[in-house]
């Protein structure tokens, strides 16, 4: 229904969240779904935050990679990138 996840400088809001773990219990991937699912991250304190949204978000922590699918949008500073499929390396 209403998933909120916060971890350090990262925030995620979605309708549904699926977390896949490896044999050691570490997160391999996360799939967030919503209309849209939303994320926010501030990679470094002195740099501006990055916001994004899409109907489906995949996060792969080992690669620090975010995949935004379906009505994807990524915003940093005054810059906005939109598309059906975006890949962002945090």
N, C-alpha and C. Protein backbone atom coordinates (compact mmCIF):
# COMPACT_ATOMS: atom_id res chain seq x y z
N UNK A 1 0.79 -1.20 0.00
CA UNK A 1 0.00 0.00 0.00
C UNK A 1 0.82 1.25 0.00
N UNK A 2 1.46 1.57 1.11
CA UNK A 2 2.18 2.83 1.25
C UNK A 2 3.56 2.55 1.85
N UNK A 3 4.53 2.23 1.00
CA UNK A 3 5.87 1.87 1.45
C UNK A 3 6.75 3.11 1.51
N UNK A 4 7.41 3.31 2.63
CA UNK A 4 8.39 4.38 2.81
C UNK A 4 9.67 3.71 3.30
N UNK A 5 10.78 4.00 2.65
CA UNK A 5 12.06 3.45 3.08
C UNK A 5 13.08 4.58 3.17
N UNK A 6 13.77 4.67 4.30
CA UNK A 6 14.82 5.66 4.49
C UNK A 6 16.08 4.93 4.92
N UNK A 7 17.20 5.30 4.31
CA UNK A 7 18.48 4.75 4.71
C UNK A 7 19.53 5.82 4.48
N UNK A 8 20.02 6.39 5.55
CA UNK A 8 21.03 7.44 5.44
C UNK A 8 20.52 8.59 4.60
N UNK A 9 21.18 8.84 3.47
CA UNK A 9 20.83 9.96 2.60
C UNK A 9 19.90 9.54 1.46
N UNK A 10 19.24 8.39 1.61
CA UNK A 10 18.36 7.87 0.56
C UNK A 10 16.94 7.69 1.08
N UNK A 11 15.99 7.99 0.21
CA UNK A 11 14.58 7.91 0.54
C UNK A 11 13.84 7.28 -0.64
N UNK A 12 12.88 6.43 -0.37
CA UNK A 12 12.09 5.78 -1.40
C UNK A 12 10.64 5.72 -0.95
N UNK A 13 9.73 6.03 -1.86
CA UNK A 13 8.31 5.95 -1.61
C UNK A 13 7.68 5.16 -2.75
N UNK A 14 6.87 4.16 -2.43
CA UNK A 14 6.26 3.32 -3.46
C UNK A 14 4.98 2.69 -2.94
N UNK A 15 4.23 2.09 -3.85
CA UNK A 15 3.04 1.34 -3.49
C UNK A 15 3.43 -0.06 -3.04
N UNK A 16 4.46 -0.63 -3.71
CA UNK A 16 4.90 -1.99 -3.41
C UNK A 16 6.42 -2.04 -3.54
N UNK A 17 7.07 -2.79 -2.66
CA UNK A 17 8.52 -2.94 -2.68
C UNK A 17 8.88 -4.41 -2.52
N UNK A 18 9.68 -4.92 -3.45
CA UNK A 18 10.16 -6.30 -3.39
C UNK A 18 11.67 -6.25 -3.22
N UNK A 19 12.19 -6.92 -2.18
CA UNK A 19 13.63 -6.94 -1.91
C UNK A 19 14.15 -8.35 -2.12
N UNK A 20 15.19 -8.49 -2.94
CA UNK A 20 15.84 -9.79 -3.18
C UNK A 20 17.19 -9.78 -2.46
N UNK A 21 17.46 -10.84 -1.69
CA UNK A 21 18.71 -10.94 -0.94
C UNK A 21 19.54 -12.10 -1.46
N UNK A 22 20.87 -12.01 -1.27
CA UNK A 22 21.74 -13.11 -1.65
C UNK A 22 21.81 -14.13 -0.50
N UNK A 23 22.62 -15.15 -0.64
CA UNK A 23 22.73 -16.21 0.37
C UNK A 23 23.28 -15.71 1.71
N UNK A 24 23.91 -14.54 1.70
CA UNK A 24 24.48 -13.97 2.92
C UNK A 24 23.57 -12.93 3.56
N UNK A 25 22.38 -12.74 2.98
CA UNK A 25 21.43 -11.79 3.52
C UNK A 25 21.60 -10.38 3.02
N UNK A 26 22.56 -10.14 2.15
CA UNK A 26 22.78 -8.80 1.59
C UNK A 26 21.77 -8.54 0.48
N UNK A 27 21.35 -7.30 0.36
CA UNK A 27 20.38 -6.94 -0.68
C UNK A 27 21.04 -6.99 -2.05
N UNK A 28 20.47 -7.79 -2.94
CA UNK A 28 20.93 -7.86 -4.33
C UNK A 28 20.20 -6.85 -5.20
N UNK A 29 18.89 -6.74 -4.98
CA UNK A 29 18.11 -5.79 -5.78
C UNK A 29 16.83 -5.44 -5.03
N UNK A 30 16.27 -4.30 -5.44
CA UNK A 30 14.97 -3.87 -4.93
C UNK A 30 14.15 -3.43 -6.14
N UNK A 31 12.90 -3.81 -6.14
CA UNK A 31 11.97 -3.38 -7.17
C UNK A 31 10.84 -2.63 -6.49
N UNK A 32 10.70 -1.34 -6.84
CA UNK A 32 9.65 -0.50 -6.27
C UNK A 32 8.65 -0.17 -7.37
N UNK A 33 7.37 -0.30 -7.04
CA UNK A 33 6.32 0.00 -8.01
C UNK A 33 5.37 1.02 -7.41
N UNK A 34 4.88 1.90 -8.25
CA UNK A 34 3.93 2.92 -7.81
C UNK A 34 3.38 3.65 -9.01
N UNK A 35 2.63 4.67 -8.73
CA UNK A 35 2.08 5.47 -9.81
C UNK A 35 2.28 6.95 -9.51
N UNK A 36 3.50 7.43 -9.43
CA UNK A 36 4.76 6.71 -9.61
C UNK A 36 5.41 6.33 -8.29
N UNK A 37 6.49 5.54 -8.38
CA UNK A 37 7.40 5.32 -7.26
C UNK A 37 8.39 6.49 -7.30
N UNK A 38 8.85 6.92 -6.15
CA UNK A 38 9.67 8.13 -6.06
C UNK A 38 10.92 7.86 -5.23
N UNK A 39 12.06 8.43 -5.64
CA UNK A 39 13.27 8.32 -4.83
C UNK A 39 13.96 9.67 -4.73
N UNK A 40 14.78 9.79 -3.70
CA UNK A 40 15.56 11.00 -3.43
C UNK A 40 16.88 10.53 -2.86
N UNK A 41 17.97 11.10 -3.35
CA UNK A 41 19.29 10.77 -2.80
C UNK A 41 20.18 12.01 -2.86
N UNK A 42 20.99 12.16 -1.83
CA UNK A 42 21.99 13.24 -1.81
C UNK A 42 23.33 12.53 -1.68
N UNK A 43 24.02 12.27 -2.82
CA UNK A 43 25.25 11.48 -2.80
C UNK A 43 26.36 12.10 -1.93
N UNK A 44 26.45 13.42 -1.95
CA UNK A 44 27.45 14.11 -1.14
C UNK A 44 26.81 15.34 -0.52
N UNK A 45 27.13 15.66 0.75
CA UNK A 45 26.47 16.77 1.43
C UNK A 45 26.59 18.12 0.72
N UNK A 46 27.69 18.35 0.03
CA UNK A 46 27.90 19.64 -0.62
C UNK A 46 27.30 19.70 -2.03
N UNK A 47 26.77 18.60 -2.51
CA UNK A 47 26.17 18.57 -3.85
C UNK A 47 24.64 18.55 -3.74
N UNK A 48 23.96 19.03 -4.79
CA UNK A 48 22.49 19.06 -4.75
C UNK A 48 21.91 17.65 -4.80
N UNK A 49 20.71 17.49 -4.25
CA UNK A 49 20.06 16.17 -4.27
C UNK A 49 19.61 15.77 -5.67
N UNK A 50 19.35 14.50 -5.83
CA UNK A 50 18.84 13.94 -7.08
C UNK A 50 17.49 13.34 -6.75
N UNK A 51 16.47 13.69 -7.50
CA UNK A 51 15.13 13.14 -7.33
C UNK A 51 14.79 12.37 -8.60
N UNK A 52 13.99 11.36 -8.45
CA UNK A 52 13.54 10.63 -9.62
C UNK A 52 12.23 9.95 -9.35
N UNK A 53 11.55 9.64 -10.43
CA UNK A 53 10.31 8.91 -10.31
C UNK A 53 10.05 8.11 -11.58
N UNK A 54 9.33 7.03 -11.42
CA UNK A 54 8.91 6.18 -12.53
C UNK A 54 7.86 5.22 -11.98
N UNK A 55 7.15 4.57 -12.86
CA UNK A 55 6.17 3.60 -12.41
C UNK A 55 6.84 2.36 -11.82
N UNK A 56 8.06 2.05 -12.29
CA UNK A 56 8.84 0.96 -11.72
C UNK A 56 10.29 1.42 -11.55
N UNK A 57 10.84 1.22 -10.37
CA UNK A 57 12.24 1.53 -10.07
C UNK A 57 12.94 0.24 -9.66
N UNK A 58 14.11 0.00 -10.19
CA UNK A 58 14.96 -1.11 -9.76
C UNK A 58 16.23 -0.51 -9.20
N UNK A 59 16.65 -0.97 -8.05
CA UNK A 59 17.91 -0.51 -7.45
C UNK A 59 18.80 -1.71 -7.22
N UNK A 60 20.05 -1.60 -7.68
CA UNK A 60 21.05 -2.65 -7.52
C UNK A 60 22.19 -2.08 -6.68
N UNK A 61 22.17 -2.31 -5.35
CA UNK A 61 23.14 -1.66 -4.47
C UNK A 61 24.60 -2.01 -4.74
N UNK A 62 24.89 -3.22 -5.17
CA UNK A 62 26.29 -3.60 -5.41
C UNK A 62 26.91 -2.78 -6.53
N UNK A 63 26.09 -2.39 -7.50
CA UNK A 63 26.57 -1.54 -8.60
C UNK A 63 26.21 -0.07 -8.38
N UNK A 64 25.46 0.22 -7.32
CA UNK A 64 24.91 1.55 -7.05
C UNK A 64 24.20 2.07 -8.30
N UNK A 65 23.38 1.20 -8.90
CA UNK A 65 22.69 1.49 -10.15
C UNK A 65 21.19 1.55 -9.92
N UNK A 66 20.57 2.53 -10.53
CA UNK A 66 19.12 2.71 -10.47
C UNK A 66 18.57 2.65 -11.88
N UNK A 67 17.55 1.84 -12.07
CA UNK A 67 16.90 1.68 -13.36
C UNK A 67 15.47 2.19 -13.20
N UNK A 68 15.10 3.18 -14.00
CA UNK A 68 13.77 3.78 -13.94
C UNK A 68 13.03 3.38 -15.21
N UNK A 69 11.85 2.80 -15.06
CA UNK A 69 11.10 2.31 -16.21
C UNK A 69 9.67 2.84 -16.19
N UNK A 70 9.19 3.27 -17.33
CA UNK A 70 7.82 3.71 -17.57
C UNK A 70 7.56 5.08 -16.94
N UNK A 71 7.47 6.08 -17.79
CA UNK A 71 7.27 7.46 -17.37
C UNK A 71 8.36 7.92 -16.41
N UNK A 72 9.60 7.65 -16.79
CA UNK A 72 10.76 7.93 -15.93
C UNK A 72 11.16 9.40 -16.01
N UNK A 73 11.58 9.92 -14.86
CA UNK A 73 12.05 11.30 -14.79
C UNK A 73 13.14 11.39 -13.74
N UNK A 74 14.21 12.11 -14.06
CA UNK A 74 15.34 12.29 -13.17
C UNK A 74 15.64 13.78 -13.12
N UNK A 75 15.77 14.35 -11.91
CA UNK A 75 16.00 15.79 -11.74
C UNK A 75 17.20 16.01 -10.85
N UNK A 76 18.13 16.85 -11.33
CA UNK A 76 19.27 17.29 -10.53
C UNK A 76 19.55 18.74 -10.89
N UNK A 77 19.61 19.59 -9.86
CA UNK A 77 19.73 21.03 -10.09
C UNK A 77 18.57 21.50 -10.95
N UNK A 78 18.88 22.20 -12.01
CA UNK A 78 17.88 22.70 -12.95
C UNK A 78 17.68 21.74 -14.12
N UNK A 79 18.37 20.60 -14.10
CA UNK A 79 18.34 19.67 -15.22
C UNK A 79 17.31 18.57 -14.99
N UNK A 80 16.55 18.27 -16.03
CA UNK A 80 15.55 17.20 -16.00
C UNK A 80 15.75 16.30 -17.21
N UNK A 81 15.73 15.01 -16.97
CA UNK A 81 15.81 14.02 -18.04
C UNK A 81 14.56 13.16 -17.93
N UNK A 82 13.87 12.96 -19.05
CA UNK A 82 12.66 12.15 -19.06
C UNK A 82 12.76 11.10 -20.15
N UNK A 83 12.11 9.99 -19.95
CA UNK A 83 12.09 8.94 -20.95
C UNK A 83 11.33 7.74 -20.45
N UNK A 84 11.25 6.73 -21.29
CA UNK A 84 10.56 5.52 -20.90
C UNK A 84 11.46 4.61 -20.08
N UNK A 85 12.79 4.77 -20.26
CA UNK A 85 13.76 3.85 -19.65
C UNK A 85 15.04 4.65 -19.37
N UNK A 86 15.37 4.86 -18.11
CA UNK A 86 16.58 5.59 -17.74
C UNK A 86 17.43 4.72 -16.81
N UNK A 87 18.75 4.82 -16.97
CA UNK A 87 19.69 4.14 -16.07
C UNK A 87 20.54 5.22 -15.42
N UNK A 88 20.66 5.16 -14.09
CA UNK A 88 21.43 6.17 -13.36
C UNK A 88 22.39 5.46 -12.39
N UNK A 89 23.66 5.82 -12.47
CA UNK A 89 24.67 5.29 -11.54
C UNK A 89 24.89 6.33 -10.46
N UNK A 90 24.47 6.00 -9.24
CA UNK A 90 24.56 6.93 -8.11
C UNK A 90 26.01 7.14 -7.74
